[in-house]
Amino acid sequence: MGQIKNYPPVKLFMGFIFANELYFIKVKEILINKFGTLDLESKTIDFIYTDYYNKEIGKDLKRKFI
């Protein structure tokens, strides 16, 4: 039978794809309120690798990591 183990704390890492940065800002605020301050936030980059999300999210997509 298995044993219960204690694990060290981990970092929450998330990637976002968005068309409107205002949505990202709002979600970031919600996450900060729930999980605490950010350690790192990437710069915003163009998401030009596929058009798979265009129908659902829109065109000229951006990507960011926190």
C-alpha atoms as a PDB file:
ATOM      1  CA  MET A   1       0.000   0.000   0.000  1.00  0.00           C
ATOM      2  CA  GLY A   2       1.202   3.549  -0.784  1.00  0.00           C
ATOM      3  CA  GLN A   3       2.417   6.070   1.756  1.00  0.00           C
ATOM      4  CA  ILE A   4       1.444   9.708   2.089  1.00  0.00           C
ATOM      5  CA  LYS A   5       4.382  11.971   1.244  1.00  0.00           C
ATOM      6  CA  ASN A   6       4.995  15.656   1.838  1.00  0.00           C
ATOM      7  CA  TYR A   7       6.206  17.540  -1.223  1.00  0.00           C
ATOM      8  CA  PRO A   8       8.015  20.888  -1.335  1.00  0.00           C
ATOM      9  CA  PRO A   9       6.082  23.967  -2.488  1.00  0.00           C
ATOM     10  CA  VAL A  10       5.898  24.519  -6.245  1.00  0.00           C
ATOM     11  CA  LYS A  11       5.534  27.568  -8.488  1.00  0.00           C
ATOM     12  CA  LEU A  12       2.382  28.171 -10.482  1.00  0.00           C
ATOM     13  CA  PHE A  13       3.242  28.782 -14.149  1.00  0.00           C
ATOM     14  CA  MET A  14       0.658  29.900 -16.717  1.00  0.00           C
ATOM     15  CA  GLY A  15       0.664  30.838 -20.378  1.00  0.00           C
ATOM     16  CA  PHE A  16      -1.987  33.030 -21.985  1.00  0.00           C
ATOM     17  CA  ILE A  17      -3.087  33.610 -25.569  1.00  0.00           C
ATOM     18  CA  PHE A  18      -5.335  36.640 -26.033  1.00  0.00           C
ATOM     19  CA  ALA A  19      -6.560  39.191 -28.534  1.00  0.00           C
ATOM     20  CA  ASN A  20      -7.433  41.937 -26.033  1.00  0.00           C
ATOM     21  CA  GLU A  21      -4.858  42.724 -23.331  1.00  0.00           C
ATOM     22  CA  LEU A  22      -7.594  44.071 -21.042  1.00  0.00           C
ATOM     23  CA  TYR A  23      -8.808  40.485 -20.547  1.00  0.00           C
ATOM     24  CA  PHE A  24      -5.304  39.370 -19.630  1.00  0.00           C
ATOM     25  CA  ILE A  25      -4.980  42.219 -17.117  1.00  0.00           C
ATOM     26  CA  LYS A  26      -8.291  41.304 -15.461  1.00  0.00           C
ATOM     27  CA  VAL A  27      -7.411  37.604 -15.227  1.00  0.00           C
ATOM     28  CA  LYS A  28      -3.967  38.493 -13.859  1.00  0.00           C
ATOM     29  CA  GLU A  29      -5.601  40.584 -11.102  1.00  0.00           C
ATOM     30  CA  ILE A  30      -7.875  37.667 -10.185  1.00  0.00           C
ATOM     31  CA  LEU A  31      -4.917  35.267 -10.041  1.00  0.00           C
ATOM     32  CA  ILE A  32      -2.864  37.666  -7.893  1.00  0.00           C
ATOM     33  CA  ASN A  33      -5.774  37.976  -5.455  1.00  0.00           C
ATOM     34  CA  LYS A  34      -6.092  34.187  -5.273  1.00  0.00           C
ATOM     35  CA  PHE A  35      -2.438  33.057  -5.326  1.00  0.00           C
ATOM     36  CA  GLY A  36      -0.356  36.112  -4.328  1.00  0.00           C
ATOM     37  CA  THR A  37       2.154  38.336  -6.058  1.00  0.00           C
ATOM     38  CA  LEU A  38       3.912  37.405  -9.280  1.00  0.00           C
ATOM     39  CA  ASP A  39       7.556  36.382  -9.351  1.00  0.00           C
ATOM     40  CA  LEU A  40       7.924  37.006 -13.060  1.00  0.00           C
ATOM     41  CA  GLU A  41       5.908  38.239 -16.037  1.00  0.00           C
ATOM     42  CA  SER A  42       7.094  37.864 -19.629  1.00  0.00           C
ATOM     43  CA  LYS A  43       6.873  40.570 -22.229  1.00  0.00           C
ATOM     44  CA  THR A  44       3.926  40.392 -24.634  1.00  0.00           C
ATOM     45  CA  ILE A  45       4.830  38.619 -27.865  1.00  0.00           C
ATOM     46  CA  ASP A  46       2.936  38.142 -31.112  1.00  0.00           C
ATOM     47  CA  PHE A  47       1.362  34.689 -31.408  1.00  0.00           C
ATOM     48  CA  ILE A  48       1.983  33.982 -35.084  1.00  0.00           C
ATOM     49  CA  TYR A  49       2.524  30.213 -35.016  1.00  0.00           C
ATOM     50  CA  THR A  50      -0.948  29.045 -36.006  1.00  0.00           C
ATOM     51  CA  ASP A  51      -4.375  30.383 -36.938  1.00  0.00           C
ATOM     52  CA  TYR A  52      -6.067  27.588 -34.957  1.00  0.00           C
ATOM     53  CA  TYR A  53      -7.497  29.988 -32.336  1.00  0.00           C
ATOM     54  CA  ASN A  54      -8.681  32.720 -34.735  1.00  0.00           C
ATOM     55  CA  LYS A  55     -12.331  31.569 -34.810  1.00  0.00           C
ATOM     56  CA  GLU A  56     -12.590  31.373 -31.043  1.00  0.00           C
ATOM     57  CA  ILE A  57     -10.415  34.273 -29.879  1.00  0.00           C
ATOM     58  CA  GLY A  58      -9.827  36.477 -32.909  1.00  0.00           C
ATOM     59  CA  LYS A  59      -6.903  37.590 -35.053  1.00  0.00           C
ATOM     60  CA  ASP A  60      -3.660  39.373 -34.130  1.00  0.00           C
ATOM     61  CA  LEU A  61      -3.244  37.217 -31.039  1.00  0.00           C
ATOM     62  CA  LYS A  62      -0.696  37.891 -28.311  1.00  0.00           C
ATOM     63  CA  ARG A  63       1.027  35.560 -25.837  1.00  0.00           C
ATOM     64  CA  LYS A  64       2.285  36.134 -22.321  1.00  0.00           C
ATOM     65  CA  PHE A  65       3.544  33.989 -19.446  1.00  0.00           C
ATOM     66  CA  ILE A  66       3.347  34.503 -15.699  1.00  0.00           C
END
